[in-house]
Amino acid sequence: MPGLSVDGLNCRIRRSDLRLAVTGLGVWVVYLYVDKVRLAWAAFFILLPVVLLGAIMLTRWIPVHRAANAGLDSAASAGAPASAGAPASAASAGAPASAGPAGPAAPGAVDVIVGPPERNFPVPVVVVHGVFAVITFILVTLTAANIGHT
């Protein structure tokens, strides 16, 4: 299926999330300047699918990240260092990068963990992104509902 990465995290989901988030925040900035409640509600309804798409991407990212860590742990326990940033030239996860038809890999060869690029997203970046997204959505919701407004 076109647009799908190795783990199934659809490029269209990521693009839609980005476009809706930028649009919603743009509407929010305009609301801050013109102070029209309709714009606050518009920002809320634009950001609502962003929250849902973000939750979908998070639930898809967690198993990919765990699988990548499990692959790194198993490679490290086998005695061969694994490189998460190395190019995915091996045919399968854990296959030696320099293994060829002649036999085993040369001494000092690096194992390559094959998988989608999402496996390399650092956990702190994902957590901080999610926290800021939730805070933003809560503030937009509270403002649109006129809670705490004097």
N, C-alpha and C. Protein backbone atom coordinates (compact mmCIF):
# COMPACT_ATOMS: atom_id res chain seq x y z
N MET A 1 0.85 -1.17 0.00
CA MET A 1 0.00 0.00 0.00
C MET A 1 0.90 1.24 0.00
N PRO A 2 0.69 2.18 -0.94
CA PRO A 2 1.56 3.35 -1.01
C PRO A 2 1.39 4.24 0.21
N GLY A 3 2.52 4.84 0.63
CA GLY A 3 2.48 5.78 1.75
C GLY A 3 2.69 5.13 3.10
N LEU A 4 2.88 3.80 3.13
CA LEU A 4 3.08 3.13 4.41
C LEU A 4 4.56 2.88 4.64
N SER A 5 5.03 3.15 5.84
CA SER A 5 6.39 2.82 6.19
C SER A 5 6.42 1.37 6.66
N VAL A 6 7.59 0.92 7.05
CA VAL A 6 7.76 -0.48 7.43
C VAL A 6 6.82 -0.88 8.56
N ASP A 7 6.60 -0.01 9.53
CA ASP A 7 5.77 -0.36 10.68
C ASP A 7 4.30 -0.04 10.45
N GLY A 8 3.94 0.48 9.29
CA GLY A 8 2.54 0.79 9.02
C GLY A 8 2.15 2.20 9.42
N LEU A 9 3.09 3.00 9.92
CA LEU A 9 2.78 4.38 10.28
C LEU A 9 2.63 5.16 8.99
N ASN A 10 1.42 5.45 8.66
CA ASN A 10 1.08 6.01 7.37
C ASN A 10 1.60 7.44 7.23
N CYS A 11 2.22 7.72 6.10
CA CYS A 11 2.71 9.08 5.83
C CYS A 11 1.55 10.07 5.81
N ARG A 12 0.41 9.63 5.33
CA ARG A 12 -0.75 10.53 5.29
C ARG A 12 -1.21 10.92 6.70
N ILE A 13 -1.08 10.01 7.65
CA ILE A 13 -1.44 10.33 9.03
C ILE A 13 -0.50 11.39 9.57
N ARG A 14 0.80 11.20 9.33
CA ARG A 14 1.78 12.17 9.82
C ARG A 14 1.59 13.53 9.17
N ARG A 15 1.36 13.54 7.86
CA ARG A 15 1.16 14.82 7.16
C ARG A 15 -0.13 15.50 7.62
N SER A 16 -1.18 14.72 7.77
CA SER A 16 -2.45 15.30 8.23
C SER A 16 -2.30 15.88 9.62
N ASP A 17 -1.60 15.16 10.49
CA ASP A 17 -1.38 15.65 11.85
C ASP A 17 -0.63 16.98 11.81
N LEU A 18 0.42 17.05 11.02
CA LEU A 18 1.21 18.27 10.93
C LEU A 18 0.40 19.43 10.35
N ARG A 19 -0.31 19.17 9.26
CA ARG A 19 -1.08 20.24 8.61
C ARG A 19 -2.20 20.75 9.51
N LEU A 20 -2.91 19.84 10.14
CA LEU A 20 -4.00 20.26 11.04
C LEU A 20 -3.44 21.01 12.26
N ALA A 21 -2.32 20.56 12.79
CA ALA A 21 -1.73 21.23 13.95
C ALA A 21 -1.29 22.64 13.59
N VAL A 22 -0.64 22.80 12.46
CA VAL A 22 -0.19 24.13 12.05
C VAL A 22 -1.40 25.03 11.77
N THR A 23 -2.42 24.49 11.12
CA THR A 23 -3.63 25.26 10.85
C THR A 23 -4.33 25.66 12.15
N GLY A 24 -4.49 24.70 13.06
CA GLY A 24 -5.15 24.99 14.33
C GLY A 24 -4.41 26.03 15.15
N LEU A 25 -3.09 25.92 15.17
CA LEU A 25 -2.31 26.91 15.92
C LEU A 25 -2.34 28.27 15.23
N GLY A 26 -2.42 28.26 13.90
CA GLY A 26 -2.57 29.53 13.18
C GLY A 26 -3.89 30.21 13.50
N VAL A 27 -4.96 29.43 13.52
CA VAL A 27 -6.27 29.98 13.89
C VAL A 27 -6.23 30.48 15.32
N TRP A 28 -5.52 29.75 16.20
CA TRP A 28 -5.40 30.14 17.60
C TRP A 28 -4.68 31.49 17.72
N VAL A 29 -3.61 31.68 16.95
CA VAL A 29 -2.88 32.94 16.99
C VAL A 29 -3.77 34.09 16.50
N VAL A 30 -4.54 33.84 15.45
CA VAL A 30 -5.46 34.88 14.96
C VAL A 30 -6.49 35.19 16.04
N TYR A 31 -7.00 34.16 16.74
CA TYR A 31 -7.94 34.39 17.84
C TYR A 31 -7.32 35.30 18.90
N LEU A 32 -6.05 35.06 19.22
CA LEU A 32 -5.40 35.87 20.25
C LEU A 32 -5.34 37.34 19.86
N TYR A 33 -5.27 37.63 18.57
CA TYR A 33 -5.21 39.02 18.12
C TYR A 33 -6.59 39.66 18.00
N VAL A 34 -7.58 38.93 17.49
CA VAL A 34 -8.89 39.55 17.23
C VAL A 34 -9.92 39.26 18.31
N ASP A 35 -9.66 38.29 19.19
CA ASP A 35 -10.52 37.98 20.32
C ASP A 35 -11.96 37.67 19.93
N LYS A 36 -12.14 36.84 18.93
CA LYS A 36 -13.45 36.35 18.52
C LYS A 36 -13.60 34.91 18.99
N VAL A 37 -14.63 34.64 19.78
CA VAL A 37 -14.82 33.32 20.37
C VAL A 37 -14.99 32.24 19.30
N ARG A 38 -15.57 32.61 18.17
CA ARG A 38 -15.73 31.62 17.09
C ARG A 38 -14.39 31.06 16.63
N LEU A 39 -13.35 31.89 16.64
CA LEU A 39 -12.02 31.42 16.25
C LEU A 39 -11.45 30.46 17.29
N ALA A 40 -11.74 30.69 18.55
CA ALA A 40 -11.29 29.76 19.59
C ALA A 40 -11.94 28.39 19.40
N TRP A 41 -13.24 28.40 19.09
CA TRP A 41 -13.93 27.13 18.84
C TRP A 41 -13.43 26.48 17.55
N ALA A 42 -13.12 27.29 16.55
CA ALA A 42 -12.57 26.74 15.30
C ALA A 42 -11.23 26.07 15.58
N ALA A 43 -10.39 26.72 16.38
CA ALA A 43 -9.10 26.12 16.74
C ALA A 43 -9.31 24.82 17.51
N PHE A 44 -10.29 24.80 18.41
CA PHE A 44 -10.59 23.59 19.16
C PHE A 44 -10.96 22.45 18.23
N PHE A 45 -11.88 22.71 17.29
CA PHE A 45 -12.34 21.64 16.40
C PHE A 45 -11.28 21.24 15.37
N ILE A 46 -10.35 22.14 15.07
CA ILE A 46 -9.24 21.76 14.19
C ILE A 46 -8.22 20.91 14.96
N LEU A 47 -7.99 21.25 16.22
CA LEU A 47 -7.00 20.53 17.02
C LEU A 47 -7.52 19.20 17.57
N LEU A 48 -8.82 19.01 17.60
CA LEU A 48 -9.38 17.74 18.09
C LEU A 48 -8.88 16.54 17.29
N PRO A 49 -8.94 16.57 15.95
CA PRO A 49 -8.38 15.43 15.22
C PRO A 49 -6.87 15.31 15.36
N VAL A 50 -6.19 16.42 15.65
CA VAL A 50 -4.74 16.37 15.88
C VAL A 50 -4.46 15.51 17.11
N VAL A 51 -5.25 15.69 18.15
CA VAL A 51 -5.09 14.89 19.37
C VAL A 51 -5.33 13.41 19.06
N LEU A 52 -6.37 13.12 18.29
CA LEU A 52 -6.68 11.73 17.95
C LEU A 52 -5.59 11.11 17.07
N LEU A 53 -5.10 11.86 16.08
CA LEU A 53 -4.03 11.35 15.23
C LEU A 53 -2.75 11.16 16.04
N GLY A 54 -2.48 12.08 16.96
CA GLY A 54 -1.31 11.92 17.82
C GLY A 54 -1.40 10.68 18.69
N ALA A 55 -2.58 10.41 19.21
CA ALA A 55 -2.76 9.19 20.02
C ALA A 55 -2.57 7.94 19.17
N ILE A 56 -3.05 7.97 17.93
CA ILE A 56 -2.85 6.83 17.02
C ILE A 56 -1.37 6.62 16.75
N MET A 57 -0.66 7.71 16.46
CA MET A 57 0.78 7.58 16.18
C MET A 57 1.54 7.10 17.41
N LEU A 58 1.15 7.56 18.59
CA LEU A 58 1.82 7.11 19.81
C LEU A 58 1.62 5.62 20.03
N THR A 59 0.39 5.14 19.84
CA THR A 59 0.14 3.72 20.05
C THR A 59 0.85 2.87 19.00
N ARG A 60 1.12 3.42 17.83
CA ARG A 60 1.89 2.68 16.83
C ARG A 60 3.38 2.78 17.08
N TRP A 61 3.84 3.88 17.69
CA TRP A 61 5.26 4.07 17.93
C TRP A 61 5.78 3.21 19.07
N ILE A 62 4.99 3.02 20.10
CA ILE A 62 5.45 2.29 21.29
C ILE A 62 5.95 0.89 20.94
N PRO A 63 5.19 0.06 20.21
CA PRO A 63 5.73 -1.28 19.91
C PRO A 63 6.96 -1.24 19.01
N VAL A 64 7.03 -0.28 18.09
CA VAL A 64 8.20 -0.17 17.21
C VAL A 64 9.43 0.18 18.04
N HIS A 65 9.27 1.11 18.96
CA HIS A 65 10.39 1.52 19.81
C HIS A 65 10.82 0.37 20.72
N ARG A 66 9.87 -0.33 21.28
CA ARG A 66 10.20 -1.47 22.15
C ARG A 66 10.90 -2.57 21.37
N ALA A 67 10.43 -2.83 20.16
CA ALA A 67 11.06 -3.87 19.34
C ALA A 67 12.49 -3.48 18.98
N ALA A 68 12.71 -2.21 18.69
CA ALA A 68 14.07 -1.75 18.37
C ALA A 68 14.97 -1.91 19.59
N ASN A 69 14.47 -1.56 20.77
CA ASN A 69 15.26 -1.72 21.99
C ASN A 69 15.53 -3.19 22.28
N ALA A 70 14.55 -4.05 22.03
CA ALA A 70 14.75 -5.48 22.25
C ALA A 70 15.81 -6.00 21.29
N GLY A 71 15.79 -5.50 20.05
CA GLY A 71 16.80 -5.92 19.08
C GLY A 71 18.18 -5.46 19.48
N LEU A 72 18.29 -4.25 20.00
CA LEU A 72 19.59 -3.75 20.47
C LEU A 72 20.07 -4.53 21.68
N ASP A 73 19.13 -4.84 22.60
CA ASP A 73 19.50 -5.60 23.79
C ASP A 73 19.98 -7.00 23.43
N SER A 74 19.28 -7.66 22.50
CA SER A 74 19.68 -9.01 22.13
C SER A 74 21.00 -9.01 21.38
N ALA A 75 21.24 -7.99 20.57
CA ALA A 75 22.51 -7.90 19.86
C ALA A 75 23.65 -7.64 20.83
N ALA A 76 23.40 -6.80 21.84
CA ALA A 76 24.42 -6.50 22.84
C ALA A 76 24.72 -7.72 23.70
N SER A 77 23.69 -8.49 24.03
CA SER A 77 23.90 -9.67 24.86
C SER A 77 24.60 -10.79 24.09
N ALA A 78 24.50 -10.76 22.76
CA ALA A 78 25.16 -11.77 21.95
C ALA A 78 26.64 -11.44 21.77
N GLY A 79 27.05 -10.23 22.22
CA GLY A 79 28.45 -9.86 22.14
C GLY A 79 28.79 -8.98 20.96
N ALA A 80 27.85 -8.76 20.07
CA ALA A 80 28.10 -7.92 18.90
C ALA A 80 27.44 -6.58 19.11
N PRO A 81 28.17 -5.48 18.98
CA PRO A 81 27.55 -4.17 19.13
C PRO A 81 26.59 -3.89 18.00
N ALA A 82 25.46 -3.26 18.32
CA ALA A 82 24.47 -2.91 17.31
C ALA A 82 24.49 -1.41 17.11
N SER A 83 24.28 -1.00 15.89
CA SER A 83 24.28 0.42 15.56
C SER A 83 22.91 0.82 15.10
N ALA A 84 22.21 1.64 15.90
CA ALA A 84 20.85 2.07 15.55
C ALA A 84 20.85 3.06 14.41
N GLY A 85 21.96 3.79 14.22
CA GLY A 85 21.98 4.81 13.18
C GLY A 85 22.60 4.32 11.89
N ALA A 86 23.01 3.08 11.84
CA ALA A 86 23.66 2.56 10.64
C ALA A 86 22.65 2.33 9.54
N PRO A 87 23.09 2.34 8.29
CA PRO A 87 22.17 2.09 7.20
C PRO A 87 21.64 0.67 7.24
N ALA A 88 20.44 0.50 6.81
CA ALA A 88 19.78 -0.81 6.86
C ALA A 88 20.17 -1.62 5.64
N SER A 89 21.39 -2.14 5.62
CA SER A 89 21.83 -2.90 4.46
C SER A 89 21.67 -4.39 4.66
N ALA A 90 21.42 -4.82 5.87
CA ALA A 90 21.26 -6.24 6.14
C ALA A 90 19.87 -6.69 5.72
N ALA A 91 19.78 -7.94 5.37
CA ALA A 91 18.51 -8.47 4.89
C ALA A 91 17.50 -8.67 6.00
N SER A 92 17.97 -8.94 7.22
CA SER A 92 17.05 -9.15 8.32
C SER A 92 17.64 -8.58 9.59
N ALA A 93 16.80 -8.42 10.59
CA ALA A 93 17.25 -7.85 11.86
C ALA A 93 18.31 -8.73 12.49
N GLY A 94 19.40 -8.11 12.90
CA GLY A 94 20.44 -8.85 13.57
C GLY A 94 21.42 -9.52 12.64
N ALA A 95 21.20 -9.48 11.33
CA ALA A 95 22.13 -10.08 10.40
C ALA A 95 23.39 -9.23 10.34
N PRO A 96 24.55 -9.85 10.31
CA PRO A 96 25.78 -9.07 10.26
C PRO A 96 25.85 -8.25 8.99
N ALA A 97 26.34 -7.02 9.13
CA ALA A 97 26.39 -6.11 7.99
C ALA A 97 27.36 -6.60 6.94
N SER A 98 28.45 -7.29 7.34
CA SER A 98 29.45 -7.70 6.36
C SER A 98 29.34 -9.17 5.99
N ALA A 99 28.29 -9.84 6.42
CA ALA A 99 28.12 -11.24 6.09
C ALA A 99 27.78 -11.37 4.62
N GLY A 100 28.44 -12.27 3.99
CA GLY A 100 28.19 -12.48 2.57
C GLY A 100 28.03 -13.95 2.30
N PRO A 101 28.03 -14.31 1.02
CA PRO A 101 27.87 -15.73 0.68
C PRO A 101 29.08 -16.54 1.13
N ALA A 102 30.22 -15.89 1.40
CA ALA A 102 31.43 -16.61 1.78
C ALA A 102 31.39 -17.13 3.21
N GLY A 103 30.55 -16.57 4.04
CA GLY A 103 30.50 -17.07 5.41
C GLY A 103 30.20 -15.99 6.41
N PRO A 104 30.68 -16.19 7.66
CA PRO A 104 30.35 -15.26 8.73
C PRO A 104 31.03 -13.90 8.53
N ALA A 105 30.57 -12.97 9.33
CA ALA A 105 31.07 -11.61 9.24
C ALA A 105 32.51 -11.53 9.71
N ALA A 106 33.21 -10.54 9.20
CA ALA A 106 34.60 -10.30 9.59
C ALA A 106 34.64 -9.80 11.02
N PRO A 107 35.76 -10.00 11.70
CA PRO A 107 35.88 -9.48 13.07
C PRO A 107 35.71 -7.96 13.09
N GLY A 108 34.98 -7.47 14.06
CA GLY A 108 34.75 -6.04 14.18
C GLY A 108 33.56 -5.55 13.37
N ALA A 109 32.86 -6.45 12.69
CA ALA A 109 31.69 -6.04 11.90
C ALA A 109 30.58 -5.62 12.85
N VAL A 110 29.73 -4.74 12.37
CA VAL A 110 28.65 -4.19 13.19
C VAL A 110 27.32 -4.77 12.72
N ASP A 111 26.51 -5.24 13.68
CA ASP A 111 25.16 -5.70 13.35
C ASP A 111 24.28 -4.50 13.06
N VAL A 112 23.35 -4.68 12.16
CA VAL A 112 22.43 -3.61 11.80
C VAL A 112 21.02 -4.05 12.17
N ILE A 113 20.33 -3.22 12.94
CA ILE A 113 18.94 -3.48 13.28
C ILE A 113 18.08 -2.83 12.21
N VAL A 114 17.35 -3.64 11.47
CA VAL A 114 16.53 -3.14 10.38
C VAL A 114 15.15 -2.79 10.92
N GLY A 115 14.64 -1.64 10.53
CA GLY A 115 13.32 -1.23 10.97
C GLY A 115 13.01 0.17 10.49
N PRO A 116 11.85 0.65 10.84
CA PRO A 116 11.43 1.98 10.38
C PRO A 116 12.21 3.08 11.10
N PRO A 117 12.29 4.26 10.49
CA PRO A 117 13.01 5.35 11.14
C PRO A 117 12.39 5.79 12.46
N GLU A 118 11.10 5.52 12.66
CA GLU A 118 10.43 5.92 13.90
C GLU A 118 11.04 5.26 15.12
N ARG A 119 11.76 4.17 14.92
CA ARG A 119 12.34 3.46 16.06
C ARG A 119 13.39 4.30 16.76
N ASN A 120 13.93 5.31 16.08
CA ASN A 120 15.00 6.12 16.65
C ASN A 120 14.52 7.38 17.35
N PHE A 121 13.21 7.63 17.39
CA PHE A 121 12.73 8.82 18.09
C PHE A 121 13.09 8.68 19.57
N PRO A 122 13.80 9.64 20.13
CA PRO A 122 14.15 9.55 21.56
C PRO A 122 12.90 9.69 22.43
N VAL A 123 12.83 8.89 23.47
CA VAL A 123 11.68 8.90 24.37
C VAL A 123 11.45 10.29 24.97
N PRO A 124 12.48 11.00 25.44
CA PRO A 124 12.21 12.33 26.01
C PRO A 124 11.57 13.30 24.99
N VAL A 125 11.98 13.21 23.75
CA VAL A 125 11.40 14.09 22.72
C VAL A 125 9.92 13.77 22.53
N VAL A 126 9.59 12.49 22.48
CA VAL A 126 8.20 12.09 22.32
C VAL A 126 7.37 12.52 23.52
N VAL A 127 7.90 12.35 24.72
CA VAL A 127 7.18 12.72 25.94
C VAL A 127 6.96 14.23 26.01
N VAL A 128 8.00 15.02 25.75
CA VAL A 128 7.87 16.48 25.81
C VAL A 128 6.90 16.97 24.74
N HIS A 129 6.97 16.40 23.55
CA HIS A 129 6.04 16.77 22.48
C HIS A 129 4.59 16.49 22.91
N GLY A 130 4.37 15.31 23.49
CA GLY A 130 3.03 14.96 23.94
C GLY A 130 2.54 15.87 25.06
N VAL A 131 3.41 16.20 26.00
CA VAL A 131 3.02 17.07 27.12
C VAL A 131 2.63 18.45 26.60
N PHE A 132 3.44 19.02 25.70
CA PHE A 132 3.11 20.33 25.15
C PHE A 132 1.82 20.28 24.33
N ALA A 133 1.61 19.19 23.60
CA ALA A 133 0.38 19.06 22.82
C ALA A 133 -0.85 19.01 23.72
N VAL A 134 -0.76 18.24 24.80
CA VAL A 134 -1.89 18.13 25.73
C VAL A 134 -2.16 19.46 26.41
N ILE A 135 -1.10 20.14 26.85
CA ILE A 135 -1.27 21.45 27.49
C ILE A 135 -1.91 22.44 26.53
N THR A 136 -1.44 22.45 25.29
CA THR A 136 -2.01 23.36 24.29
C THR A 136 -3.49 23.07 24.07
N PHE A 137 -3.84 21.80 23.94
CA PHE A 137 -5.24 21.44 23.71
C PHE A 137 -6.10 21.81 24.91
N ILE A 138 -5.61 21.58 26.11
CA ILE A 138 -6.36 21.95 27.32
C ILE A 138 -6.58 23.46 27.38
N LEU A 139 -5.55 24.24 27.09
CA LEU A 139 -5.70 25.70 27.11
C LEU A 139 -6.69 26.18 26.05
N VAL A 140 -6.63 25.61 24.87
CA VAL A 140 -7.58 25.98 23.82
C VAL A 140 -9.00 25.62 24.24
N THR A 141 -9.17 24.45 24.83
CA THR A 141 -10.50 24.01 25.28
C THR A 141 -11.04 24.92 26.37
N LEU A 142 -10.22 25.23 27.35
CA LEU A 142 -10.66 26.10 28.44
C LEU A 142 -11.02 27.51 27.95
N THR A 143 -10.23 28.00 27.02
CA THR A 143 -10.51 29.34 26.48
C THR A 143 -11.77 29.34 25.63
N ALA A 144 -11.93 28.32 24.79
CA ALA A 144 -13.12 28.26 23.95
C ALA A 144 -14.38 28.12 24.80
N ALA A 145 -14.28 27.39 25.90
CA ALA A 145 -15.44 27.20 26.79
C ALA A 145 -15.63 28.38 27.73
N ASN A 146 -14.76 29.38 27.62
CA ASN A 146 -14.84 30.59 28.41
C ASN A 146 -14.68 30.31 29.90
N ILE A 147 -13.86 29.33 30.24
CA ILE A 147 -13.59 28.98 31.64
C ILE A 147 -12.39 29.78 32.10
N GLY A 148 -12.52 30.48 33.19
CA GLY A 148 -11.44 31.29 33.73
C GLY A 148 -11.33 32.65 33.09
N HIS A 149 -12.27 32.99 32.25
CA HIS A 149 -12.24 34.29 31.57
C HIS A 149 -12.94 35.32 32.44
N THR A 150 -12.35 36.49 32.57
CA THR A 150 -12.97 37.53 33.42
C THR A 150 -13.79 38.48 32.62
